């Protein structure tokens, strides 16, 4: 999981994607932001998420690609549906759409995107889910609601993946988020959660699925990951990370952020096992040192042997 708004360049994207394929990492996800979120580094730019993913689809062969998550506030749902289908065709069926309501007010203000109150943004998200799935379905699709209106749309081409690219809804398992996921999504993703938090949030989503008369959704986690083959390598990677993000490496290692996977490979394997016991079916490891391809090799080639 790469935070694209942290100044990741196109050559870095290509190198990361190729490292993932070389070392057996099955999927590369990216954020969908247009500004560096903290505001301290405005010089860090961001390439558009779906343009990047479509381009990566053309230079990879096996890697799955997706967003965590695209804000419903950034694009009209017909535009987003078309962008995802385009990337799906370019990659021959290897994309996944993570979709959320949007949350970072400053980038909306900067780029001129409307930023209504939370309840309305979630209303927009629900309508977008309906429009996107409708545009991917067979036959003409008509939709008329508060925010979007479409008439007799038969969008072509249809997605490569059948019935459609997987949809991921992310959040902290609030009641409405869980209900939307149960109705429209193929996976629920939460962020920076401890095993106990995973258990609680997964149970909420499972209850929503049960109330909707549906099978439980796969439950995934996006969280920070800082690993090393040994203590020395771990300390070096923590030093480089805190130089980038601020803070002190020793303090970071003494008390890692809640929910992060931090440690030697053996430590990480134990932490991942606990998350698996809590119900996580896959983990998207947030990798902030974008030029550190050795960390990709650790995650893909060496860590799995200990799981």
C-alpha atoms as a PDB file:
ATOM      1  CA  UNK A   1       0.000   0.000   0.000  1.00  0.00           C
ATOM      2  CA  UNK A   2       1.689   3.155  -1.275  1.00  0.00           C
ATOM      3  CA  UNK A   3       0.750   6.688  -0.240  1.00  0.00           C
ATOM      4  CA  UNK A   4       0.931   8.240  -3.693  1.00  0.00           C
ATOM      5  CA  UNK A   5       0.558  11.792  -2.407  1.00  0.00           C
ATOM      6  CA  UNK A   6       3.978  11.555  -0.770  1.00  0.00           C
ATOM      7  CA  UNK A   7       5.781  12.544  -3.953  1.00  0.00           C
ATOM      8  CA  UNK A   8       6.002   9.091  -5.556  1.00  0.00           C
ATOM      9  CA  UNK A   9       7.363   9.525  -9.069  1.00  0.00           C
ATOM     10  CA  UNK A  10       6.461   7.445 -12.121  1.00  0.00           C
ATOM     11  CA  UNK A  11       9.868   5.687 -12.161  1.00  0.00           C
ATOM     12  CA  UNK A  12       9.320   4.802  -8.487  1.00  0.00           C
ATOM     13  CA  UNK A  13       5.867   3.399  -9.263  1.00  0.00           C
ATOM     14  CA  UNK A  14       7.308   1.196 -11.995  1.00  0.00           C
ATOM     15  CA  UNK A  15      10.138   0.012  -9.747  1.00  0.00           C
ATOM     16  CA  UNK A  16       7.720  -0.795  -6.914  1.00  0.00           C
ATOM     17  CA  UNK A  17       5.357  -2.705  -9.202  1.00  0.00           C
ATOM     18  CA  UNK A  18       8.181  -4.712 -10.746  1.00  0.00           C
ATOM     19  CA  UNK A  19       9.606  -5.488  -7.299  1.00  0.00           C
ATOM     20  CA  UNK A  20       6.184  -6.741  -6.199  1.00  0.00           C
ATOM     21  CA  UNK A  21       5.972  -9.083  -9.177  1.00  0.00           C
ATOM     22  CA  UNK A  22       9.562 -10.245  -8.764  1.00  0.00           C
ATOM     23  CA  UNK A  23       9.111 -11.097  -5.096  1.00  0.00           C
ATOM     24  CA  UNK A  24       5.603 -12.518  -5.156  1.00  0.00           C
ATOM     25  CA  UNK A  25       3.632  -9.678  -3.578  1.00  0.00           C
ATOM     26  CA  UNK A  26       0.172 -10.346  -5.041  1.00  0.00           C
ATOM     27  CA  UNK A  27      -1.304  -6.837  -5.011  1.00  0.00           C
ATOM     28  CA  UNK A  28      -0.239  -3.190  -5.064  1.00  0.00           C
ATOM     29  CA  UNK A  29      -2.721  -0.676  -3.683  1.00  0.00           C
ATOM     30  CA  UNK A  30      -2.358   3.079  -3.597  1.00  0.00           C
ATOM     31  CA  UNK A  31      -4.090   5.947  -1.850  1.00  0.00           C
ATOM     32  CA  UNK A  32      -6.235   8.332  -3.878  1.00  0.00           C
ATOM     33  CA  UNK A  33      -5.232  11.803  -2.688  1.00  0.00           C
ATOM     34  CA  UNK A  34      -4.146  14.916  -4.541  1.00  0.00           C
ATOM     35  CA  UNK A  35      -2.299  16.691  -1.699  1.00  0.00           C
ATOM     36  CA  UNK A  36       0.243  15.676   0.921  1.00  0.00           C
ATOM     37  CA  UNK A  37      -2.034  15.242   3.902  1.00  0.00           C
ATOM     38  CA  UNK A  38      -0.063  16.796   6.736  1.00  0.00           C
ATOM     39  CA  UNK A  39       0.450  20.103   4.966  1.00  0.00           C
ATOM     40  CA  UNK A  40       4.122  20.252   5.974  1.00  0.00           C
ATOM     41  CA  UNK A  41       5.493  19.172   2.594  1.00  0.00           C
ATOM     42  CA  UNK A  42       3.540  20.881  -0.213  1.00  0.00           C
ATOM     43  CA  UNK A  43       6.419  20.070  -2.561  1.00  0.00           C
ATOM     44  CA  UNK A  44       5.399  16.391  -2.530  1.00  0.00           C
ATOM     45  CA  UNK A  45       3.137  15.843  -5.514  1.00  0.00           C
ATOM     46  CA  UNK A  46       0.662  13.140  -6.451  1.00  0.00           C
ATOM     47  CA  UNK A  47      -0.062  11.500  -9.781  1.00  0.00           C
ATOM     48  CA  UNK A  48      -3.721  10.657 -10.328  1.00  0.00           C
ATOM     49  CA  UNK A  49      -4.581   7.286  -8.835  1.00  0.00           C
ATOM     50  CA  UNK A  50      -6.532   5.705 -11.689  1.00  0.00           C
ATOM     51  CA  UNK A  51      -4.256   7.055 -14.397  1.00  0.00           C
ATOM     52  CA  UNK A  52      -1.341   5.533 -12.478  1.00  0.00           C
ATOM     53  CA  UNK A  53      -3.063   2.171 -12.048  1.00  0.00           C
ATOM     54  CA  UNK A  54      -4.023   1.955 -15.722  1.00  0.00           C
ATOM     55  CA  UNK A  55      -0.423   2.711 -16.689  1.00  0.00           C
ATOM     56  CA  UNK A  56       0.910   0.106 -14.246  1.00  0.00           C
ATOM     57  CA  UNK A  57      -1.507  -2.412 -15.727  1.00  0.00           C
ATOM     58  CA  UNK A  58       0.332  -2.038 -19.024  1.00  0.00           C
ATOM     59  CA  UNK A  59       3.788  -2.718 -17.552  1.00  0.00           C
ATOM     60  CA  UNK A  60       2.881  -5.647 -15.265  1.00  0.00           C
ATOM     61  CA  UNK A  61       1.479  -9.110 -15.932  1.00  0.00           C
ATOM     62  CA  UNK A  62       0.246 -10.677 -12.673  1.00  0.00           C
ATOM     63  CA  UNK A  63       0.021  -7.919 -10.073  1.00  0.00           C
ATOM     64  CA  UNK A  64      -3.427  -6.918  -8.853  1.00  0.00           C
ATOM     65  CA  UNK A  65      -3.924  -3.149  -8.578  1.00  0.00           C
ATOM     66  CA  UNK A  66      -6.365  -1.016  -6.636  1.00  0.00           C
ATOM     67  CA  UNK A  67      -7.189   2.046  -4.549  1.00  0.00           C
ATOM     68  CA  UNK A  68      -7.554   2.410  -0.785  1.00  0.00           C
ATOM     69  CA  UNK A  69      -9.727   4.309  -1.210  1.00  0.00           C
ATOM     70  CA  UNK A  70     -11.046   6.579  -3.948  1.00  0.00           C
ATOM     71  CA  UNK A  71     -13.181   9.420  -2.542  1.00  0.00           C
ATOM     72  CA  UNK A  72     -16.680   9.582  -3.974  1.00  0.00           C
ATOM     73  CA  UNK A  73     -16.278  13.366  -3.902  1.00  0.00           C
ATOM     74  CA  UNK A  74     -13.487  13.433  -6.518  1.00  0.00           C
ATOM     75  CA  UNK A  75     -15.245  12.069  -9.612  1.00  0.00           C
ATOM     76  CA  UNK A  76     -18.684  11.660 -11.107  1.00  0.00           C
ATOM     77  CA  UNK A  77     -19.547   7.952 -10.756  1.00  0.00           C
ATOM     78  CA  UNK A  78     -19.836   7.522 -14.528  1.00  0.00           C
ATOM     79  CA  UNK A  79     -16.284   8.874 -14.887  1.00  0.00           C
ATOM     80  CA  UNK A  80     -14.980   6.645 -12.104  1.00  0.00           C
ATOM     81  CA  UNK A  81     -16.735   3.564 -13.490  1.00  0.00           C
ATOM     82  CA  UNK A  82     -15.194   4.244 -16.911  1.00  0.00           C
ATOM     83  CA  UNK A  83     -11.709   4.781 -15.417  1.00  0.00           C
ATOM     84  CA  UNK A  84     -11.903   1.479 -13.540  1.00  0.00           C
ATOM     85  CA  UNK A  85     -13.142  -0.403 -16.605  1.00  0.00           C
ATOM     86  CA  UNK A  86     -10.314   1.117 -18.640  1.00  0.00           C
ATOM     87  CA  UNK A  87      -7.731  -0.063 -16.100  1.00  0.00           C
ATOM     88  CA  UNK A  88      -9.486  -3.442 -15.976  1.00  0.00           C
ATOM     89  CA  UNK A  89      -9.062  -3.856 -19.744  1.00  0.00           C
ATOM     90  CA  UNK A  90      -5.481  -2.592 -19.790  1.00  0.00           C
ATOM     91  CA  UNK A  91      -4.530  -5.026 -17.014  1.00  0.00           C
ATOM     92  CA  UNK A  92      -6.653  -7.904 -18.393  1.00  0.00           C
ATOM     93  CA  UNK A  93      -8.788  -8.067 -15.268  1.00  0.00           C
ATOM     94  CA  UNK A  94      -6.472  -7.201 -12.393  1.00  0.00           C
ATOM     95  CA  UNK A  95      -8.020  -4.138 -10.713  1.00  0.00           C
ATOM     96  CA  UNK A  96     -10.041  -3.570  -7.539  1.00  0.00           C
ATOM     97  CA  UNK A  97     -11.975  -0.450  -6.590  1.00  0.00           C
ATOM     98  CA  UNK A  98     -11.752   0.800  -3.031  1.00  0.00           C
ATOM     99  CA  UNK A  99     -14.364   3.509  -2.519  1.00  0.00           C
ATOM    100  CA  UNK A 100     -15.110   5.838   0.389  1.00  0.00           C
ATOM    101  CA  UNK A 101     -16.926   9.053   1.214  1.00  0.00           C
ATOM    102  CA  UNK A 102     -13.838  11.319   1.249  1.00  0.00           C
ATOM    103  CA  UNK A 103     -12.504  12.992   4.357  1.00  0.00           C
ATOM    104  CA  UNK A 104      -9.618  15.437   3.761  1.00  0.00           C
ATOM    105  CA  UNK A 105     -11.273  18.842   3.617  1.00  0.00           C
ATOM    106  CA  UNK A 106      -8.169  20.839   2.652  1.00  0.00           C
ATOM    107  CA  UNK A 107      -7.561  19.012  -0.646  1.00  0.00           C
ATOM    108  CA  UNK A 108     -11.218  19.436  -1.571  1.00  0.00           C
ATOM    109  CA  UNK A 109     -10.904  23.157  -0.935  1.00  0.00           C
ATOM    110  CA  UNK A 110      -7.644  23.400  -2.876  1.00  0.00           C
ATOM    111  CA  UNK A 111      -8.921  21.540  -5.950  1.00  0.00           C
ATOM    112  CA  UNK A 112     -12.451  22.925  -5.864  1.00  0.00           C
ATOM    113  CA  UNK A 113     -14.223  19.672  -5.034  1.00  0.00           C
ATOM    114  CA  UNK A 114     -17.457  20.067  -3.044  1.00  0.00           C
ATOM    115  CA  UNK A 115     -17.123  18.874   0.556  1.00  0.00           C
ATOM    116  CA  UNK A 116     -20.612  18.552   2.047  1.00  0.00           C
ATOM    117  CA  UNK A 117     -21.285  17.337   5.603  1.00  0.00           C
ATOM    118  CA  UNK A 118     -20.527  13.727   6.461  1.00  0.00           C
ATOM    119  CA  UNK A 119     -24.090  12.465   6.154  1.00  0.00           C
ATOM    120  CA  UNK A 120     -24.416  13.925   2.662  1.00  0.00           C
ATOM    121  CA  UNK A 121     -21.037  12.546   1.582  1.00  0.00           C
ATOM    122  CA  UNK A 122     -22.174   9.089   2.641  1.00  0.00           C
ATOM    123  CA  UNK A 123     -25.399   9.621   0.687  1.00  0.00           C
ATOM    124  CA  UNK A 124     -23.249  10.458  -2.335  1.00  0.00           C
ATOM    125  CA  UNK A 125     -21.172   7.329  -1.727  1.00  0.00           C
ATOM    126  CA  UNK A 126     -24.267   5.120  -1.708  1.00  0.00           C
ATOM    127  CA  UNK A 127     -25.557   6.636  -4.947  1.00  0.00           C
ATOM    128  CA  UNK A 128     -22.119   6.223  -6.532  1.00  0.00           C
ATOM    129  CA  UNK A 129     -22.074   2.540  -5.622  1.00  0.00           C
ATOM    130  CA  UNK A 130     -25.452   2.090  -7.294  1.00  0.00           C
ATOM    131  CA  UNK A 131     -24.403   4.012 -10.415  1.00  0.00           C
ATOM    132  CA  UNK A 132     -21.076   2.202 -10.767  1.00  0.00           C
ATOM    133  CA  UNK A 133     -22.591  -1.250 -10.385  1.00  0.00           C
ATOM    134  CA  UNK A 134     -25.441  -0.298 -12.702  1.00  0.00           C
ATOM    135  CA  UNK A 135     -23.094   0.950 -15.397  1.00  0.00           C
ATOM    136  CA  UNK A 136     -21.119  -2.304 -15.204  1.00  0.00           C
ATOM    137  CA  UNK A 137     -24.240  -4.458 -15.518  1.00  0.00           C
ATOM    138  CA  UNK A 138     -25.779  -5.779 -18.715  1.00  0.00           C
ATOM    139  CA  UNK A 139     -28.393  -3.789 -20.573  1.00  0.00           C
ATOM    140  CA  UNK A 140     -29.629  -0.207 -20.274  1.00  0.00           C
ATOM    141  CA  UNK A 141     -29.443   1.360 -16.818  1.00  0.00           C
ATOM    142  CA  UNK A 142     -31.534   4.288 -15.632  1.00  0.00           C
ATOM    143  CA  UNK A 143     -31.011   5.995 -12.298  1.00  0.00           C
ATOM    144  CA  UNK A 144     -32.680   9.010 -10.758  1.00  0.00           C
ATOM    145  CA  UNK A 145     -31.844  10.105  -7.218  1.00  0.00           C
ATOM    146  CA  UNK A 146     -30.903  13.225  -5.299  1.00  0.00           C
ATOM    147  CA  UNK A 147     -27.315  13.569  -6.534  1.00  0.00           C
ATOM    148  CA  UNK A 148     -27.154  11.697  -9.859  1.00  0.00           C
ATOM    149  CA  UNK A 149     -29.473  11.053 -12.765  1.00  0.00           C
ATOM    150  CA  UNK A 150     -28.699   8.746 -15.711  1.00  0.00           C
ATOM    151  CA  UNK A 151     -30.992   7.661 -18.520  1.00  0.00           C
ATOM    152  CA  UNK A 152     -30.815   4.417 -20.509  1.00  0.00           C
ATOM    153  CA  UNK A 153     -27.044   4.031 -20.088  1.00  0.00           C
ATOM    154  CA  UNK A 154     -25.501   0.956 -21.670  1.00  0.00           C
ATOM    155  CA  UNK A 155     -21.836   1.665 -20.946  1.00  0.00           C
ATOM    156  CA  UNK A 156     -19.437  -0.200 -23.204  1.00  0.00           C
ATOM    157  CA  UNK A 157     -17.171  -2.027 -22.900  1.00  0.00           C
ATOM    158  CA  UNK A 158     -18.152  -3.982 -19.836  1.00  0.00           C
ATOM    159  CA  UNK A 159     -15.457  -4.992 -17.327  1.00  0.00           C
ATOM    160  CA  UNK A 160     -13.156  -7.902 -18.059  1.00  0.00           C
ATOM    161  CA  UNK A 161     -13.802  -9.325 -14.592  1.00  0.00           C
ATOM    162  CA  UNK A 162     -17.164 -10.986 -14.112  1.00  0.00           C
ATOM    163  CA  UNK A 163     -19.499  -9.895 -12.738  1.00  0.00           C
ATOM    164  CA  UNK A 164     -17.333  -6.819 -12.098  1.00  0.00           C
ATOM    165  CA  UNK A 165     -14.051  -5.677 -10.502  1.00  0.00           C
ATOM    166  CA  UNK A 166     -14.143  -6.286  -6.742  1.00  0.00           C
ATOM    167  CA  UNK A 167     -15.396  -3.362  -4.677  1.00  0.00           C
ATOM    168  CA  UNK A 168     -13.807  -2.629  -1.314  1.00  0.00           C
ATOM    169  CA  UNK A 169     -15.431  -0.321   1.218  1.00  0.00           C
ATOM    170  CA  UNK A 170     -13.189   1.017   3.936  1.00  0.00           C
ATOM    171  CA  UNK A 171     -13.826   2.467   7.363  1.00  0.00           C
ATOM    172  CA  UNK A 172     -14.030   1.785  11.069  1.00  0.00           C
ATOM    173  CA  UNK A 173     -17.172  -0.343  10.771  1.00  0.00           C
ATOM    174  CA  UNK A 174     -19.660   2.337  11.701  1.00  0.00           C
ATOM    175  CA  UNK A 175     -23.289   1.232  11.274  1.00  0.00           C
ATOM    176  CA  UNK A 176     -23.878   2.877   7.906  1.00  0.00           C
ATOM    177  CA  UNK A 177     -20.463   1.932   6.519  1.00  0.00           C
ATOM    178  CA  UNK A 178     -21.067  -1.691   7.497  1.00  0.00           C
ATOM    179  CA  UNK A 179     -24.560  -1.650   5.976  1.00  0.00           C
ATOM    180  CA  UNK A 180     -23.288  -0.206   2.676  1.00  0.00           C
ATOM    181  CA  UNK A 181     -20.531  -2.800   2.542  1.00  0.00           C
ATOM    182  CA  UNK A 182     -22.954  -5.642   3.202  1.00  0.00           C
ATOM    183  CA  UNK A 183     -25.179  -4.458   0.367  1.00  0.00           C
ATOM    184  CA  UNK A 184     -22.654  -3.429  -2.279  1.00  0.00           C
ATOM    185  CA  UNK A 185     -19.084  -4.530  -1.499  1.00  0.00           C
ATOM    186  CA  UNK A 186     -16.980  -7.630  -2.000  1.00  0.00           C
ATOM    187  CA  UNK A 187     -14.619  -6.844   0.893  1.00  0.00           C
ATOM    188  CA  UNK A 188     -14.423  -4.613   3.945  1.00  0.00           C
ATOM    189  CA  UNK A 189     -11.155  -2.888   4.812  1.00  0.00           C
ATOM    190  CA  UNK A 190     -10.236  -1.184   8.048  1.00  0.00           C
ATOM    191  CA  UNK A 191      -7.070   0.706   8.975  1.00  0.00           C
ATOM    192  CA  UNK A 192      -4.440   0.679  11.735  1.00  0.00           C
ATOM    193  CA  UNK A 193      -6.396  -1.727  13.931  1.00  0.00           C
ATOM    194  CA  UNK A 194      -5.156  -3.938  16.757  1.00  0.00           C
ATOM    195  CA  UNK A 195      -6.374  -7.560  16.902  1.00  0.00           C
ATOM    196  CA  UNK A 196      -9.040  -6.585  19.449  1.00  0.00           C
ATOM    197  CA  UNK A 197     -10.243  -3.739  17.226  1.00  0.00           C
ATOM    198  CA  UNK A 198     -10.262  -6.050  14.228  1.00  0.00           C
ATOM    199  CA  UNK A 199     -12.474  -8.516  16.114  1.00  0.00           C
ATOM    200  CA  UNK A 200     -14.925  -5.778  17.093  1.00  0.00           C
ATOM    201  CA  UNK A 201     -15.123  -4.208  13.642  1.00  0.00           C
ATOM    202  CA  UNK A 202     -15.344  -7.533  11.837  1.00  0.00           C
ATOM    203  CA  UNK A 203     -18.210  -8.584  14.120  1.00  0.00           C
ATOM    204  CA  UNK A 204     -20.085  -5.381  13.266  1.00  0.00           C
ATOM    205  CA  UNK A 205     -19.699  -5.997   9.540  1.00  0.00           C
ATOM    206  CA  UNK A 206     -20.737  -9.636   9.932  1.00  0.00           C
ATOM    207  CA  UNK A 207     -23.893  -8.570  11.777  1.00  0.00           C
ATOM    208  CA  UNK A 208     -24.723  -6.167   8.950  1.00  0.00           C
ATOM    209  CA  UNK A 209     -24.276  -8.984   6.436  1.00  0.00           C
ATOM    210  CA  UNK A 210     -26.476 -11.278   8.499  1.00  0.00           C
ATOM    211  CA  UNK A 211     -29.194  -8.625   8.743  1.00  0.00           C
ATOM    212  CA  UNK A 212     -29.045  -8.249   4.952  1.00  0.00           C
ATOM    213  CA  UNK A 213     -29.328 -12.018   4.508  1.00  0.00           C
ATOM    214  CA  UNK A 214     -25.847 -12.239   2.968  1.00  0.00           C
ATOM    215  CA  UNK A 215     -22.682 -14.217   3.612  1.00  0.00           C
ATOM    216  CA  UNK A 216     -19.950 -12.485   5.681  1.00  0.00           C
ATOM    217  CA  UNK A 217     -17.541 -10.336   3.691  1.00  0.00           C
ATOM    218  CA  UNK A 218     -13.794 -10.936   3.647  1.00  0.00           C
ATOM    219  CA  UNK A 219     -12.237  -8.520   6.133  1.00  0.00           C
ATOM    220  CA  UNK A 220      -8.878  -6.882   5.385  1.00  0.00           C
ATOM    221  CA  UNK A 221      -6.533  -4.467   7.142  1.00  0.00           C
ATOM    222  CA  UNK A 222      -4.363  -1.619   5.887  1.00  0.00           C
ATOM    223  CA  UNK A 223      -1.630  -0.811   8.382  1.00  0.00           C
ATOM    224  CA  UNK A 224       1.920   0.466   8.631  1.00  0.00           C
ATOM    225  CA  UNK A 225       4.702  -2.080   8.386  1.00  0.00           C
ATOM    226  CA  UNK A 226       8.371  -1.607   9.315  1.00  0.00           C
ATOM    227  CA  UNK A 227      10.375  -4.837   9.206  1.00  0.00           C
ATOM    228  CA  UNK A 228      13.969  -6.000   9.342  1.00  0.00           C
ATOM    229  CA  UNK A 229      15.793  -9.283   8.990  1.00  0.00           C
ATOM    230  CA  UNK A 230      17.484  -8.522  12.299  1.00  0.00           C
ATOM    231  CA  UNK A 231      17.495  -5.776  14.909  1.00  0.00           C
ATOM    232  CA  UNK A 232      20.166  -3.750  13.161  1.00  0.00           C
ATOM    233  CA  UNK A 233      18.252  -3.676   9.885  1.00  0.00           C
ATOM    234  CA  UNK A 234      15.024  -2.846  11.717  1.00  0.00           C
ATOM    235  CA  UNK A 235      16.666   0.092  13.484  1.00  0.00           C
ATOM    236  CA  UNK A 236      18.075   1.396  10.204  1.00  0.00           C
ATOM    237  CA  UNK A 237      14.693   1.238   8.505  1.00  0.00           C
ATOM    238  CA  UNK A 238      13.011   2.927  11.490  1.00  0.00           C
ATOM    239  CA  UNK A 239      15.630   5.683  11.387  1.00  0.00           C
ATOM    240  CA  UNK A 240      14.968   6.337   7.709  1.00  0.00           C
ATOM    241  CA  UNK A 241      11.218   6.335   8.265  1.00  0.00           C
ATOM    242  CA  UNK A 242      11.308   8.815  11.134  1.00  0.00           C
ATOM    243  CA  UNK A 243      13.627  11.080   9.154  1.00  0.00           C
ATOM    244  CA  UNK A 244      10.877  11.174   6.552  1.00  0.00           C
ATOM    245  CA  UNK A 245       7.854  11.450   8.835  1.00  0.00           C
ATOM    246  CA  UNK A 246       9.298  13.152  11.919  1.00  0.00           C
ATOM    247  CA  UNK A 247       9.989  11.756  15.355  1.00  0.00           C
ATOM    248  CA  UNK A 248      12.695   9.610  16.867  1.00  0.00           C
ATOM    249  CA  UNK A 249      13.558   6.080  15.761  1.00  0.00           C
ATOM    250  CA  UNK A 250      14.250   4.795  19.269  1.00  0.00           C
ATOM    251  CA  UNK A 251      10.901   6.082  20.526  1.00  0.00           C
ATOM    252  CA  UNK A 252       9.156   4.672  17.468  1.00  0.00           C
ATOM    253  CA  UNK A 253      10.572   1.200  18.115  1.00  0.00           C
ATOM    254  CA  UNK A 254       9.991   1.373  21.875  1.00  0.00           C
ATOM    255  CA  UNK A 255       6.336   2.238  21.369  1.00  0.00           C
ATOM    256  CA  UNK A 256       5.182   1.630  17.780  1.00  0.00           C
ATOM    257  CA  UNK A 257       1.940   3.253  16.615  1.00  0.00           C
ATOM    258  CA  UNK A 258      -1.125   1.246  17.579  1.00  0.00           C
ATOM    259  CA  UNK A 259      -1.973  -1.430  15.045  1.00  0.00           C
ATOM    260  CA  UNK A 260       1.297  -1.221  13.105  1.00  0.00           C
ATOM    261  CA  UNK A 261       3.368  -4.298  12.291  1.00  0.00           C
ATOM    262  CA  UNK A 262       6.855  -3.466  13.562  1.00  0.00           C
ATOM    263  CA  UNK A 263       9.740  -5.817  14.288  1.00  0.00           C
ATOM    264  CA  UNK A 264      12.041  -8.453  12.917  1.00  0.00           C
ATOM    265  CA  UNK A 265      10.551 -10.977  10.523  1.00  0.00           C
ATOM    266  CA  UNK A 266       9.858 -13.351  13.420  1.00  0.00           C
ATOM    267  CA  UNK A 267       8.122 -10.579  15.377  1.00  0.00           C
ATOM    268  CA  UNK A 268       6.085  -9.570  12.336  1.00  0.00           C
ATOM    269  CA  UNK A 269       4.996 -13.157  11.709  1.00  0.00           C
ATOM    270  CA  UNK A 270       3.667 -13.396  15.259  1.00  0.00           C
ATOM    271  CA  UNK A 271       1.804 -10.097  14.903  1.00  0.00           C
ATOM    272  CA  UNK A 272       0.296 -11.195  11.593  1.00  0.00           C
ATOM    273  CA  UNK A 273      -0.770 -14.516  13.111  1.00  0.00           C
ATOM    274  CA  UNK A 274      -2.647 -12.631  15.844  1.00  0.00           C
ATOM    275  CA  UNK A 275      -4.396 -10.521  13.216  1.00  0.00           C
ATOM    276  CA  UNK A 276      -5.303 -13.664  11.301  1.00  0.00           C
ATOM    277  CA  UNK A 277      -6.785 -15.186  14.447  1.00  0.00           C
ATOM    278  CA  UNK A 278      -8.848 -12.001  14.823  1.00  0.00           C
ATOM    279  CA  UNK A 279     -10.327 -12.514  11.363  1.00  0.00           C
ATOM    280  CA  UNK A 280      -8.095 -10.610   8.929  1.00  0.00           C
ATOM    281  CA  UNK A 281      -7.916 -12.391   5.570  1.00  0.00           C
ATOM    282  CA  UNK A 282      -5.291 -10.114   3.988  1.00  0.00           C
ATOM    283  CA  UNK A 283      -3.103  -7.192   5.000  1.00  0.00           C
ATOM    284  CA  UNK A 284      -2.119  -4.220   2.864  1.00  0.00           C
ATOM    285  CA  UNK A 285       1.262  -3.135   4.271  1.00  0.00           C
ATOM    286  CA  UNK A 286       1.668   0.644   4.134  1.00  0.00           C
ATOM    287  CA  UNK A 287       5.168   1.208   2.735  1.00  0.00           C
ATOM    288  CA  UNK A 288       6.341   4.790   3.156  1.00  0.00           C
ATOM    289  CA  UNK A 289       9.990   4.353   2.086  1.00  0.00           C
ATOM    290  CA  UNK A 290       9.144   4.283  -1.604  1.00  0.00           C
ATOM    291  CA  UNK A 291      12.707   3.752  -2.836  1.00  0.00           C
ATOM    292  CA  UNK A 292      13.321   0.853  -0.425  1.00  0.00           C
ATOM    293  CA  UNK A 293      12.747  -2.126  -2.677  1.00  0.00           C
ATOM    294  CA  UNK A 294      14.487  -4.452  -0.240  1.00  0.00           C
ATOM    295  CA  UNK A 295      11.507  -4.023   2.091  1.00  0.00           C
ATOM    296  CA  UNK A 296       9.271  -5.256  -0.737  1.00  0.00           C
ATOM    297  CA  UNK A 297      11.504  -8.309  -1.054  1.00  0.00           C
ATOM    298  CA  UNK A 298      11.196  -8.966   2.694  1.00  0.00           C
ATOM    299  CA  UNK A 299       7.409  -8.826   2.567  1.00  0.00           C
ATOM    300  CA  UNK A 300       7.078 -10.908  -0.585  1.00  0.00           C
ATOM    301  CA  UNK A 301       9.889 -13.435  -0.473  1.00  0.00           C
ATOM    302  CA  UNK A 302      10.980 -13.919   3.141  1.00  0.00           C
ATOM    303  CA  UNK A 303       8.076 -13.148   5.479  1.00  0.00           C
ATOM    304  CA  UNK A 304       5.670 -15.743   3.978  1.00  0.00           C
ATOM    305  CA  UNK A 305       8.036 -18.571   4.912  1.00  0.00           C
ATOM    306  CA  UNK A 306       7.461 -17.749   8.594  1.00  0.00           C
ATOM    307  CA  UNK A 307       3.663 -17.580   8.430  1.00  0.00           C
END
